[in-house]
């Protein structure tokens, strides 16, 4: 096997203009439909987990001087974090449904073109 020939073909393929086909366009549309929901779910989930952690630190007297109001603040922040983490999946589902509804007709039309071709 001629390794020089294989290397030259591989290098030529990297520099050749890329052909966009329908499957690549379909993947891009699907990614675009899911992107907003994914970004929100990760961001909101991280923020609520951090809020829960800060609340735990206040209530366990790791942060602060251990006064009663800080303990109550810790409980309140912890409960807000738990509620936020709990509803994150349901918000994600709603946002994903909106994204699928927005791009659904384009995705279905392109998928039908691929199947029929």
PDB file of N, CA and C in Angstrom:
ATOM      1  N   UNK A   1       0.844  -1.179   0.000  1.00  0.00           N
ATOM      2  CA  UNK A   1       0.000   0.000   0.000  1.00  0.00           C
ATOM      3  C   UNK A   1       0.886   1.237   0.000  1.00  0.00           C
ATOM      4  N   UNK A   2       0.553   2.160  -0.811  1.00  0.00           N
ATOM      5  CA  UNK A   2       1.328   3.380  -0.941  1.00  0.00           C
ATOM      6  C   UNK A   2       0.819   4.410   0.070  1.00  0.00           C
ATOM      7  N   UNK A   3       1.614   4.634   1.115  1.00  0.00           N
ATOM      8  CA  UNK A   3       1.183   5.563   2.166  1.00  0.00           C
ATOM      9  C   UNK A   3       1.214   7.004   1.683  1.00  0.00           C
ATOM     10  N   UNK A   4       2.110   7.309   0.763  1.00  0.00           N
ATOM     11  CA  UNK A   4       2.159   8.676   0.230  1.00  0.00           C
ATOM     12  C   UNK A   4       0.866   9.022  -0.502  1.00  0.00           C
ATOM     13  N   UNK A   5       0.348   8.053  -1.248  1.00  0.00           N
ATOM     14  CA  UNK A   5      -0.896   8.280  -1.988  1.00  0.00           C
ATOM     15  C   UNK A   5      -2.072   8.479  -1.028  1.00  0.00           C
ATOM     16  N   UNK A   6      -2.128   7.650   0.019  1.00  0.00           N
ATOM     17  CA  UNK A   6      -3.200   7.770   1.001  1.00  0.00           C
ATOM     18  C   UNK A   6      -3.125   9.111   1.721  1.00  0.00           C
ATOM     19  N   UNK A   7      -1.904   9.534   2.064  1.00  0.00           N
ATOM     20  CA  UNK A   7      -1.732  10.824   2.735  1.00  0.00           C
ATOM     21  C   UNK A   7      -2.158  11.970   1.818  1.00  0.00           C
ATOM     22  N   UNK A   8      -1.790  11.886   0.551  1.00  0.00           N
ATOM     23  CA  UNK A   8      -2.148  12.938  -0.400  1.00  0.00           C
ATOM     24  C   UNK A   8      -3.659  13.022  -0.582  1.00  0.00           C
ATOM     25  N   UNK A   9      -4.327  11.875  -0.635  1.00  0.00           N
ATOM     26  CA  UNK A   9      -5.790  11.872  -0.780  1.00  0.00           C
ATOM     27  C   UNK A   9      -6.464  12.460   0.454  1.00  0.00           C
ATOM     28  N   UNK A  10      -5.933  12.099   1.618  1.00  0.00           N
ATOM     29  CA  UNK A  10      -6.509  12.626   2.864  1.00  0.00           C
ATOM     30  C   UNK A  10      -6.332  14.140   2.931  1.00  0.00           C
ATOM     31  N   UNK A  11      -5.154  14.616   2.569  1.00  0.00           N
ATOM     32  CA  UNK A  11      -4.883  16.039   2.603  1.00  0.00           C
ATOM     33  C   UNK A  11      -5.720  16.791   1.571  1.00  0.00           C
ATOM     34  N   UNK A  12      -5.903  16.206   0.402  1.00  0.00           N
ATOM     35  CA  UNK A  12      -6.728  16.838  -0.629  1.00  0.00           C
ATOM     36  C   UNK A  12      -8.181  16.910  -0.181  1.00  0.00           C
ATOM     37  N   UNK A  13      -8.637  15.890   0.530  1.00  0.00           N
ATOM     38  CA  UNK A  13     -10.019  15.891   1.016  1.00  0.00           C
ATOM     39  C   UNK A  13     -10.242  16.985   2.050  1.00  0.00           C
ATOM     40  N   UNK A  14      -9.212  17.293   2.841  1.00  0.00           N
ATOM     41  CA  UNK A  14      -9.349  18.348   3.843  1.00  0.00           C
ATOM     42  C   UNK A  14      -9.482  19.723   3.203  1.00  0.00           C
ATOM     43  N   UNK A  15      -8.772  19.939   2.084  1.00  0.00           N
ATOM     44  CA  UNK A  15      -8.776  21.249   1.459  1.00  0.00           C
ATOM     45  C   UNK A  15      -9.831  21.409   0.373  1.00  0.00           C
ATOM     46  N   UNK A  16     -10.472  20.320  -0.005  1.00  0.00           N
ATOM     47  CA  UNK A  16     -11.508  20.392  -1.041  1.00  0.00           C
ATOM     48  C   UNK A  16     -12.727  21.105  -0.470  1.00  0.00           C
ATOM     49  N   UNK A  17     -13.474  21.813  -1.309  1.00  0.00           N
ATOM     50  CA  UNK A  17     -14.681  22.479  -0.794  1.00  0.00           C
ATOM     51  C   UNK A  17     -15.689  21.443  -0.299  1.00  0.00           C
ATOM     52  N   UNK A  18     -16.233  21.730   0.839  1.00  0.00           N
ATOM     53  CA  UNK A  18     -17.182  20.802   1.464  1.00  0.00           C
ATOM     54  C   UNK A  18     -18.526  20.875   0.771  1.00  0.00           C
ATOM     55  N   UNK A  19     -19.096  19.717   0.565  1.00  0.00           N
ATOM     56  CA  UNK A  19     -20.424  19.647  -0.040  1.00  0.00           C
ATOM     57  C   UNK A  19     -21.445  19.526   1.078  1.00  0.00           C
ATOM     58  N   UNK A  20     -22.393  20.419   1.106  1.00  0.00           N
ATOM     59  CA  UNK A  20     -23.444  20.322   2.111  1.00  0.00           C
ATOM     60  C   UNK A  20     -24.577  19.501   1.521  1.00  0.00           C
ATOM     61  N   UNK A  21     -24.867  18.433   2.169  1.00  0.00           N
ATOM     62  CA  UNK A  21     -25.970  17.613   1.693  1.00  0.00           C
ATOM     63  C   UNK A  21     -27.163  17.756   2.634  1.00  0.00           C
ATOM     64  N   UNK A  22     -28.205  17.090   2.307  1.00  0.00           N
ATOM     65  CA  UNK A  22     -29.460  17.256   3.046  1.00  0.00           C
ATOM     66  C   UNK A  22     -29.387  16.672   4.456  1.00  0.00           C
ATOM     67  N   UNK A  23     -28.595  15.621   4.634  1.00  0.00           N
ATOM     68  CA  UNK A  23     -28.490  15.025   5.966  1.00  0.00           C
ATOM     69  C   UNK A  23     -27.786  15.986   6.924  1.00  0.00           C
ATOM     70  N   UNK A  24     -26.759  16.657   6.440  1.00  0.00           N
ATOM     71  CA  UNK A  24     -26.064  17.643   7.271  1.00  0.00           C
ATOM     72  C   UNK A  24     -27.006  18.794   7.619  1.00  0.00           C
ATOM     73  N   UNK A  25     -27.790  19.236   6.661  1.00  0.00           N
ATOM     74  CA  UNK A  25     -28.760  20.308   6.917  1.00  0.00           C
ATOM     75  C   UNK A  25     -29.812  19.851   7.926  1.00  0.00           C
ATOM     76  N   UNK A  26     -30.215  18.593   7.836  1.00  0.00           N
ATOM     77  CA  UNK A  26     -31.196  18.056   8.782  1.00  0.00           C
ATOM     78  C   UNK A  26     -30.622  18.024  10.198  1.00  0.00           C
ATOM     79  N   UNK A  27     -29.377  17.614  10.330  1.00  0.00           N
ATOM     80  CA  UNK A  27     -28.735  17.600  11.646  1.00  0.00           C
ATOM     81  C   UNK A  27     -28.614  19.010  12.216  1.00  0.00           C
ATOM     82  N   UNK A  28     -28.281  19.974  11.364  1.00  0.00           N
ATOM     83  CA  UNK A  28     -28.166  21.359  11.826  1.00  0.00           C
ATOM     84  C   UNK A  28     -29.509  21.903  12.305  1.00  0.00           C
ATOM     85  N   UNK A  29     -30.575  21.586  11.575  1.00  0.00           N
ATOM     86  CA  UNK A  29     -31.903  22.027  12.008  1.00  0.00           C
ATOM     87  C   UNK A  29     -32.301  21.387  13.332  1.00  0.00           C
ATOM     88  N   UNK A  30     -31.991  20.109  13.487  1.00  0.00           N
ATOM     89  CA  UNK A  30     -32.316  19.418  14.735  1.00  0.00           C
ATOM     90  C   UNK A  30     -31.522  20.014  15.892  1.00  0.00           C
ATOM     91  N   UNK A  31     -30.261  20.302  15.663  1.00  0.00           N
ATOM     92  CA  UNK A  31     -29.430  20.915  16.697  1.00  0.00           C
ATOM     93  C   UNK A  31     -29.957  22.295  17.066  1.00  0.00           C
ATOM     94  N   UNK A  32     -30.399  23.046  16.045  1.00  0.00           N
ATOM     95  CA  UNK A  32     -30.931  24.387  16.285  1.00  0.00           C
ATOM     96  C   UNK A  32     -32.233  24.323  17.075  1.00  0.00           C
ATOM     97  N   UNK A  33     -33.045  23.300  16.832  1.00  0.00           N
ATOM     98  CA  UNK A  33     -34.310  23.156  17.539  1.00  0.00           C
ATOM     99  C   UNK A  33     -34.087  22.835  19.013  1.00  0.00           C
ATOM    100  N   UNK A  34     -33.017  22.131  19.327  1.00  0.00           N
ATOM    101  CA  UNK A  34     -32.746  21.717  20.706  1.00  0.00           C
ATOM    102  C   UNK A  34     -31.852  22.683  21.477  1.00  0.00           C
ATOM    103  N   UNK A  35     -31.131  23.544  20.789  1.00  0.00           N
ATOM    104  CA  UNK A  35     -30.089  24.358  21.413  1.00  0.00           C
ATOM    105  C   UNK A  35     -30.619  25.262  22.525  1.00  0.00           C
ATOM    106  N   UNK A  36     -31.682  25.985  22.288  1.00  0.00           N
ATOM    107  CA  UNK A  36     -32.200  26.908  23.297  1.00  0.00           C
ATOM    108  C   UNK A  36     -32.611  26.214  24.586  1.00  0.00           C
ATOM    109  N   UNK A  37     -33.280  25.079  24.441  1.00  0.00           N
ATOM    110  CA  UNK A  37     -33.715  24.329  25.619  1.00  0.00           C
ATOM    111  C   UNK A  37     -32.517  23.783  26.384  1.00  0.00           C
ATOM    112  N   UNK A  38     -31.506  23.296  25.675  1.00  0.00           N
ATOM    113  CA  UNK A  38     -30.330  22.753  26.343  1.00  0.00           C
ATOM    114  C   UNK A  38     -29.550  23.830  27.083  1.00  0.00           C
ATOM    115  N   UNK A  39     -29.357  24.969  26.453  1.00  0.00           N
ATOM    116  CA  UNK A  39     -28.611  26.055  27.091  1.00  0.00           C
ATOM    117  C   UNK A  39     -29.334  26.520  28.353  1.00  0.00           C
ATOM    118  N   UNK A  40     -30.647  26.691  28.252  1.00  0.00           N
ATOM    119  CA  UNK A  40     -31.397  27.122  29.431  1.00  0.00           C
ATOM    120  C   UNK A  40     -31.331  26.077  30.534  1.00  0.00           C
ATOM    121  N   UNK A  41     -31.531  24.805  30.195  1.00  0.00           N
ATOM    122  CA  UNK A  41     -31.576  23.757  31.215  1.00  0.00           C
ATOM    123  C   UNK A  41     -30.247  23.653  31.954  1.00  0.00           C
ATOM    124  N   UNK A  42     -29.135  23.687  31.226  1.00  0.00           N
ATOM    125  CA  UNK A  42     -27.839  23.617  31.895  1.00  0.00           C
ATOM    126  C   UNK A  42     -27.585  24.860  32.743  1.00  0.00           C
ATOM    127  N   UNK A  43     -27.848  26.030  32.208  1.00  0.00           N
ATOM    128  CA  UNK A  43     -27.592  27.271  32.952  1.00  0.00           C
ATOM    129  C   UNK A  43     -28.456  27.363  34.204  1.00  0.00           C
ATOM    130  N   UNK A  44     -29.743  27.117  34.036  1.00  0.00           N
ATOM    131  CA  UNK A  44     -30.667  27.208  35.170  1.00  0.00           C
ATOM    132  C   UNK A  44     -30.359  26.132  36.206  1.00  0.00           C
ATOM    133  N   UNK A  45     -30.043  24.933  35.749  1.00  0.00           N
ATOM    134  CA  UNK A  45     -29.720  23.845  36.674  1.00  0.00           C
ATOM    135  C   UNK A  45     -28.470  24.141  37.482  1.00  0.00           C
ATOM    136  N   UNK A  46     -27.446  24.668  36.845  1.00  0.00           N
ATOM    137  CA  UNK A  46     -26.214  25.011  37.560  1.00  0.00           C
ATOM    138  C   UNK A  46     -26.480  26.129  38.566  1.00  0.00           C
ATOM    139  N   UNK A  47     -27.221  27.140  38.147  1.00  0.00           N
ATOM    140  CA  UNK A  47     -27.520  28.254  39.052  1.00  0.00           C
ATOM    141  C   UNK A  47     -28.313  27.784  40.269  1.00  0.00           C
ATOM    142  N   UNK A  48     -29.299  26.926  40.055  1.00  0.00           N
ATOM    143  CA  UNK A  48     -30.110  26.456  41.177  1.00  0.00           C
ATOM    144  C   UNK A  48     -29.316  25.516  42.088  1.00  0.00           C
ATOM    145  N   UNK A  49     -28.426  24.716  41.514  1.00  0.00           N
ATOM    146  CA  UNK A  49     -27.587  23.854  42.354  1.00  0.00           C
ATOM    147  C   UNK A  49     -26.640  24.690  43.206  1.00  0.00           C
ATOM    148  N   UNK A  50     -26.106  25.767  42.631  1.00  0.00           N
ATOM    149  CA  UNK A  50     -25.254  26.657  43.411  1.00  0.00           C
ATOM    150  C   UNK A  50     -26.047  27.366  44.512  1.00  0.00           C
ATOM    151  N   UNK A  51     -27.261  27.772  44.194  1.00  0.00           N
ATOM    152  CA  UNK A  51     -28.120  28.400  45.196  1.00  0.00           C
ATOM    153  C   UNK A  51     -28.407  27.423  46.342  1.00  0.00           C
ATOM    154  N   UNK A  52     -28.675  26.194  46.002  1.00  0.00           N
ATOM    155  CA  UNK A  52     -28.891  25.161  47.022  1.00  0.00           C
ATOM    156  C   UNK A  52     -27.643  24.980  47.883  1.00  0.00           C
ATOM    157  N   UNK A  53     -26.487  24.978  47.245  1.00  0.00           N
ATOM    158  CA  UNK A  53     -25.232  24.828  47.993  1.00  0.00           C
ATOM    159  C   UNK A  53     -24.960  25.989  48.929  1.00  0.00           C
ATOM    160  N   UNK A  54     -25.215  27.195  48.461  1.00  0.00           N
ATOM    161  CA  UNK A  54     -25.024  28.365  49.321  1.00  0.00           C
ATOM    162  C   UNK A  54     -25.992  28.309  50.501  1.00  0.00           C
ATOM    163  N   UNK A  55     -27.218  27.902  50.234  1.00  0.00           N
ATOM    164  CA  UNK A  55     -28.179  27.755  51.320  1.00  0.00           C
ATOM    165  C   UNK A  55     -27.734  26.726  52.342  1.00  0.00           C
ATOM    166  N   UNK A  56     -27.173  25.625  51.872  1.00  0.00           N
ATOM    167  CA  UNK A  56     -26.670  24.605  52.800  1.00  0.00           C
ATOM    168  C   UNK A  56     -25.508  25.151  53.624  1.00  0.00           C
ATOM    169  N   UNK A  57     -24.641  25.923  52.978  1.00  0.00           N
ATOM    170  CA  UNK A  57     -23.500  26.487  53.702  1.00  0.00           C
ATOM    171  C   UNK A  57     -23.960  27.452  54.795  1.00  0.00           C
ATOM    172  N   UNK A  58     -24.962  28.272  54.495  1.00  0.00           N
ATOM    173  CA  UNK A  58     -25.493  29.164  55.523  1.00  0.00           C
ATOM    174  C   UNK A  58     -26.155  28.388  56.650  1.00  0.00           C
ATOM    175  N   UNK A  59     -26.954  27.389  56.317  1.00  0.00           N
ATOM    176  CA  UNK A  59     -27.683  26.667  57.357  1.00  0.00           C
ATOM    177  C   UNK A  59     -26.764  25.771  58.199  1.00  0.00           C
ATOM    178  N   UNK A  60     -25.653  25.316  57.627  1.00  0.00           N
ATOM    179  CA  UNK A  60     -24.698  24.503  58.388  1.00  0.00           C
ATOM    180  C   UNK A  60     -23.596  25.341  59.027  1.00  0.00           C
ATOM    181  N   UNK A  61     -23.718  26.655  58.928  1.00  0.00           N
ATOM    182  CA  UNK A  61     -22.813  27.623  59.544  1.00  0.00           C
ATOM    183  C   UNK A  61     -21.383  27.528  59.009  1.00  0.00           C
ATOM    184  N   UNK A  62     -21.253  27.142  57.733  1.00  0.00           N
ATOM    185  CA  UNK A  62     -19.947  27.171  57.080  1.00  0.00           C
ATOM    186  C   UNK A  62     -19.645  28.591  56.626  1.00  0.00           C
ATOM    187  N   UNK A  63     -20.664  29.292  56.152  1.00  0.00           N
ATOM    188  CA  UNK A  63     -20.544  30.695  55.766  1.00  0.00           C
ATOM    189  C   UNK A  63     -21.264  31.518  56.827  1.00  0.00           C
ATOM    190  N   UNK A  64     -20.690  32.618  57.213  1.00  0.00           N
ATOM    191  CA  UNK A  64     -21.354  33.513  58.164  1.00  0.00           C
ATOM    192  C   UNK A  64     -20.951  33.213  59.588  1.00  0.00           C
ATOM    193  N   UNK A  65     -21.539  33.979  60.489  1.00  0.00           N
ATOM    194  CA  UNK A  65     -21.188  33.871  61.908  1.00  0.00           C
ATOM    195  C   UNK A  65     -22.123  32.945  62.678  1.00  0.00           C
ATOM    196  N   UNK A  66     -23.114  32.397  62.025  1.00  0.00           N
ATOM    197  CA  UNK A  66     -24.011  31.458  62.682  1.00  0.00           C
ATOM    198  C   UNK A  66     -25.186  32.103  63.384  1.00  0.00           C
ATOM    199  N   UNK A  67     -25.490  33.329  63.009  1.00  0.00           N
ATOM    200  CA  UNK A  67     -26.635  33.986  63.624  1.00  0.00           C
ATOM    201  C   UNK A  67     -27.930  33.359  63.109  1.00  0.00           C
ATOM    202  N   UNK A  68     -29.014  33.615  63.832  1.00  0.00           N
ATOM    203  CA  UNK A  68     -30.302  33.002  63.512  1.00  0.00           C
ATOM    204  C   UNK A  68     -30.794  33.442  62.141  1.00  0.00           C
ATOM    205  N   UNK A  69     -30.659  34.711  61.793  1.00  0.00           N
ATOM    206  CA  UNK A  69     -31.147  35.186  60.497  1.00  0.00           C
ATOM    207  C   UNK A  69     -30.377  34.536  59.352  1.00  0.00           C
ATOM    208  N   UNK A  70     -29.096  34.214  59.562  1.00  0.00           N
ATOM    209  CA  UNK A  70     -28.331  33.540  58.522  1.00  0.00           C
ATOM    210  C   UNK A  70     -28.781  32.092  58.360  1.00  0.00           C
ATOM    211  N   UNK A  71     -29.171  31.487  59.450  1.00  0.00           N
ATOM    212  CA  UNK A  71     -29.697  30.130  59.394  1.00  0.00           C
ATOM    213  C   UNK A  71     -31.017  30.098  58.625  1.00  0.00           C
ATOM    214  N   UNK A  72     -31.881  31.061  58.901  1.00  0.00           N
ATOM    215  CA  UNK A  72     -33.161  31.153  58.194  1.00  0.00           C
ATOM    216  C   UNK A  72     -32.931  31.461  56.718  1.00  0.00           C
ATOM    217  N   UNK A  73     -31.975  32.365  56.428  1.00  0.00           N
ATOM    218  CA  UNK A  73     -31.615  32.662  55.043  1.00  0.00           C
ATOM    219  C   UNK A  73     -31.125  31.402  54.331  1.00  0.00           C
ATOM    220  N   UNK A  74     -30.355  30.591  55.025  1.00  0.00           N
ATOM    221  CA  UNK A  74     -29.859  29.348  54.450  1.00  0.00           C
ATOM    222  C   UNK A  74     -30.982  28.388  54.108  1.00  0.00           C
ATOM    223  N   UNK A  75     -31.953  28.268  55.005  1.00  0.00           N
ATOM    224  CA  UNK A  75     -33.106  27.400  54.717  1.00  0.00           C
ATOM    225  C   UNK A  75     -33.890  27.915  53.513  1.00  0.00           C
ATOM    226  N   UNK A  76     -34.100  29.233  53.471  1.00  0.00           N
ATOM    227  CA  UNK A  76     -34.860  29.810  52.357  1.00  0.00           C
ATOM    228  C   UNK A  76     -34.132  29.601  51.027  1.00  0.00           C
ATOM    229  N   UNK A  77     -32.830  29.861  51.002  1.00  0.00           N
ATOM    230  CA  UNK A  77     -32.065  29.657  49.773  1.00  0.00           C
ATOM    231  C   UNK A  77     -32.045  28.190  49.368  1.00  0.00           C
ATOM    232  N   UNK A  78     -31.933  27.306  50.340  1.00  0.00           N
ATOM    233  CA  UNK A  78     -31.941  25.872  50.048  1.00  0.00           C
ATOM    234  C   UNK A  78     -33.250  25.412  49.445  1.00  0.00           C
ATOM    235  N   UNK A  79     -34.343  25.896  49.996  1.00  0.00           N
ATOM    236  CA  UNK A  79     -35.661  25.516  49.467  1.00  0.00           C
ATOM    237  C   UNK A  79     -35.844  26.078  48.055  1.00  0.00           C
ATOM    238  N   UNK A  80     -35.397  27.320  47.836  1.00  0.00           N
ATOM    239  CA  UNK A  80     -35.490  27.886  46.488  1.00  0.00           C
ATOM    240  C   UNK A  80     -34.655  27.078  45.503  1.00  0.00           C
ATOM    241  N   UNK A  81     -33.476  26.640  45.912  1.00  0.00           N
ATOM    242  CA  UNK A  81     -32.634  25.829  45.049  1.00  0.00           C
ATOM    243  C   UNK A  81     -33.259  24.477  44.734  1.00  0.00           C
ATOM    244  N   UNK A  82     -33.859  23.850  45.740  1.00  0.00           N
ATOM    245  CA  UNK A  82     -34.511  22.549  45.530  1.00  0.00           C
ATOM    246  C   UNK A  82     -35.683  22.690  44.576  1.00  0.00           C
ATOM    247  N   UNK A  83     -36.484  23.733  44.766  1.00  0.00           N
ATOM    248  CA  UNK A  83     -37.631  23.954  43.876  1.00  0.00           C
ATOM    249  C   UNK A  83     -37.144  24.227  42.452  1.00  0.00           C
ATOM    250  N   UNK A  84     -36.105  25.034  42.308  1.00  0.00           N
ATOM    251  CA  UNK A  84     -35.572  25.337  40.986  1.00  0.00           C
ATOM    252  C   UNK A  84     -35.044  24.108  40.274  1.00  0.00           C
ATOM    253  N   UNK A  85     -34.306  23.274  40.991  1.00  0.00           N
ATOM    254  CA  UNK A  85     -33.781  22.050  40.396  1.00  0.00           C
ATOM    255  C   UNK A  85     -34.930  21.101  40.039  1.00  0.00           C
ATOM    256  N   UNK A  86     -35.962  21.090  40.851  1.00  0.00           N
ATOM    257  CA  UNK A  86     -37.094  20.186  40.611  1.00  0.00           C
ATOM    258  C   UNK A  86     -37.905  20.566  39.378  1.00  0.00           C
ATOM    259  N   UNK A  87     -38.066  21.852  39.115  1.00  0.00           N
ATOM    260  CA  UNK A  87     -38.880  22.272  37.978  1.00  0.00           C
ATOM    261  C   UNK A  87     -38.071  22.426  36.688  1.00  0.00           C
ATOM    262  N   UNK A  88     -36.752  22.273  36.784  1.00  0.00           N
ATOM    263  CA  UNK A  88     -35.895  22.476  35.621  1.00  0.00           C
ATOM    264  C   UNK A  88     -36.267  21.533  34.474  1.00  0.00           C
ATOM    265  N   UNK A  89     -36.516  20.289  34.755  1.00  0.00           N
ATOM    266  CA  UNK A  89     -36.834  19.328  33.700  1.00  0.00           C
ATOM    267  C   UNK A  89     -38.142  19.691  32.994  1.00  0.00           C
ATOM    268  N   UNK A  90     -39.115  20.159  33.734  1.00  0.00           N
ATOM    269  CA  UNK A  90     -40.403  20.492  33.136  1.00  0.00           C
ATOM    270  C   UNK A  90     -40.290  21.746  32.254  1.00  0.00           C
ATOM    271  N   UNK A  91     -39.490  22.708  32.701  1.00  0.00           N
ATOM    272  CA  UNK A  91     -39.249  23.891  31.874  1.00  0.00           C
ATOM    273  C   UNK A  91     -38.504  23.487  30.607  1.00  0.00           C
ATOM    274  N   UNK A  92     -37.535  22.581  30.742  1.00  0.00           N
ATOM    275  CA  UNK A  92     -36.795  22.082  29.583  1.00  0.00           C
ATOM    276  C   UNK A  92     -37.742  21.432  28.578  1.00  0.00           C
ATOM    277  N   UNK A  93     -38.671  20.648  29.068  1.00  0.00           N
ATOM    278  CA  UNK A  93     -39.635  19.989  28.178  1.00  0.00           C
ATOM    279  C   UNK A  93     -40.476  20.993  27.407  1.00  0.00           C
ATOM    280  N   UNK A  94     -40.917  22.041  28.079  1.00  0.00           N
ATOM    281  CA  UNK A  94     -41.716  23.073  27.412  1.00  0.00           C
ATOM    282  C   UNK A  94     -40.897  23.803  26.350  1.00  0.00           C
ATOM    283  N   UNK A  95     -39.656  24.169  26.688  1.00  0.00           N
ATOM    284  CA  UNK A  95     -38.809  24.875  25.730  1.00  0.00           C
ATOM    285  C   UNK A  95     -38.445  23.980  24.544  1.00  0.00           C
ATOM    286  N   UNK A  96     -38.225  22.703  24.802  1.00  0.00           N
ATOM    287  CA  UNK A  96     -37.924  21.769  23.722  1.00  0.00           C
ATOM    288  C   UNK A  96     -39.122  21.613  22.790  1.00  0.00           C
ATOM    289  N   UNK A  97     -40.313  21.563  23.355  1.00  0.00           N
ATOM    290  CA  UNK A  97     -41.517  21.464  22.533  1.00  0.00           C
ATOM    291  C   UNK A  97     -41.680  22.710  21.655  1.00  0.00           C
ATOM    292  N   UNK A  98     -41.369  23.887  22.202  1.00  0.00           N
ATOM    293  CA  UNK A  98     -41.442  25.118  21.402  1.00  0.00           C
ATOM    294  C   UNK A  98     -40.430  25.094  20.265  1.00  0.00           C
ATOM    295  N   UNK A  99     -39.216  24.635  20.544  1.00  0.00           N
ATOM    296  CA  UNK A  99     -38.200  24.549  19.510  1.00  0.00           C
ATOM    297  C   UNK A  99     -38.578  23.555  18.424  1.00  0.00           C
ATOM    298  N   UNK A 100     -39.141  22.417  18.826  1.00  0.00           N
ATOM    299  CA  UNK A 100     -39.580  21.425  17.845  1.00  0.00           C
ATOM    300  C   UNK A 100     -40.742  21.949  17.019  1.00  0.00           C
ATOM    301  N   UNK A 101     -41.621  22.710  17.638  1.00  0.00           N
ATOM    302  CA  UNK A 101     -42.744  23.282  16.908  1.00  0.00           C
ATOM    303  C   UNK A 101     -42.252  24.332  15.909  1.00  0.00           C
ATOM    304  N   UNK A 102     -41.259  25.117  16.309  1.00  0.00           N
ATOM    305  CA  UNK A 102     -40.746  26.177  15.454  1.00  0.00           C
ATOM    306  C   UNK A 102     -40.056  25.618  14.206  1.00  0.00           C
ATOM    307  N   UNK A 103     -39.253  24.576  14.376  1.00  0.00           N
ATOM    308  CA  UNK A 103     -38.483  24.028  13.265  1.00  0.00           C
ATOM    309  C   UNK A 103     -39.051  22.710  12.735  1.00  0.00           C
ATOM    310  N   UNK A 104     -40.154  22.246  13.299  1.00  0.00           N
ATOM    311  CA  UNK A 104     -40.702  20.941  12.942  1.00  0.00           C
ATOM    312  C   UNK A 104     -41.081  20.800  11.487  1.00  0.00           C
ATOM    313  N   UNK A 105     -41.735  21.790  10.922  1.00  0.00           N
ATOM    314  CA  UNK A 105     -42.172  21.666   9.527  1.00  0.00           C
ATOM    315  C   UNK A 105     -40.981  21.614   8.578  1.00  0.00           C
ATOM    316  N   UNK A 106     -39.935  22.395   8.853  1.00  0.00           N
ATOM    317  CA  UNK A 106     -38.735  22.356   8.010  1.00  0.00           C
ATOM    318  C   UNK A 106     -38.033  21.004   8.127  1.00  0.00           C
ATOM    319  N   UNK A 107     -37.964  20.475   9.343  1.00  0.00           N
ATOM    320  CA  UNK A 107     -37.306  19.188   9.559  1.00  0.00           C
ATOM    321  C   UNK A 107     -38.077  18.073   8.864  1.00  0.00           C
ATOM    322  N   UNK A 108     -39.386  18.090   8.977  1.00  0.00           N
ATOM    323  CA  UNK A 108     -40.203  17.048   8.338  1.00  0.00           C
ATOM    324  C   UNK A 108     -40.084  17.126   6.829  1.00  0.00           C
ATOM    325  N   UNK A 109     -40.112  18.328   6.269  1.00  0.00           N
ATOM    326  CA  UNK A 109     -39.999  18.477   4.818  1.00  0.00           C
ATOM    327  C   UNK A 109     -38.649  17.976   4.321  1.00  0.00           C
ATOM    328  N   UNK A 110     -37.585  18.324   5.014  1.00  0.00           N
ATOM    329  CA  UNK A 110     -36.255  17.876   4.614  1.00  0.00           C
ATOM    330  C   UNK A 110     -36.088  16.374   4.799  1.00  0.00           C
ATOM    331  N   UNK A 111     -36.657  15.824   5.866  1.00  0.00           N
ATOM    332  CA  UNK A 111     -36.587  14.389   6.087  1.00  0.00           C
ATOM    333  C   UNK A 111     -37.359  13.634   4.999  1.00  0.00           C
ATOM    334  N   UNK A 112     -38.496  14.157   4.584  1.00  0.00           N
ATOM    335  CA  UNK A 112     -39.248  13.525   3.498  1.00  0.00           C
ATOM    336  C   UNK A 112     -38.486  13.564   2.176  1.00  0.00           C
ATOM    337  N   UNK A 113     -37.770  14.673   1.928  1.00  0.00           N
ATOM    338  CA  UNK A 113     -36.945  14.749   0.720  1.00  0.00           C
ATOM    339  C   UNK A 113     -35.847  13.700   0.742  1.00  0.00           C
ATOM    340  N   UNK A 114     -35.243  13.483   1.916  1.00  0.00           N
ATOM    341  CA  UNK A 114     -34.174  12.484   2.024  1.00  0.00           C
ATOM    342  C   UNK A 114     -34.727  11.086   1.824  1.00  0.00           C
ATOM    343  N   UNK A 115     -35.874  10.800   2.417  1.00  0.00           N
ATOM    344  CA  UNK A 115     -36.458   9.457   2.324  1.00  0.00           C
ATOM    345  C   UNK A 115     -36.887   9.158   0.891  1.00  0.00           C
ATOM    346  N   UNK A 116     -37.460  10.136   0.195  1.00  0.00           N
ATOM    347  CA  UNK A 116     -37.950   9.916  -1.156  1.00  0.00           C
ATOM    348  C   UNK A 116     -36.832   9.852  -2.197  1.00  0.00           C
ATOM    349  N   UNK A 117     -35.689  10.421  -1.899  1.00  0.00           N
ATOM    350  CA  UNK A 117     -34.602  10.448  -2.888  1.00  0.00           C
ATOM    351  C   UNK A 117     -33.908   9.114  -3.009  1.00  0.00           C
TER     352      UNK A 117
END
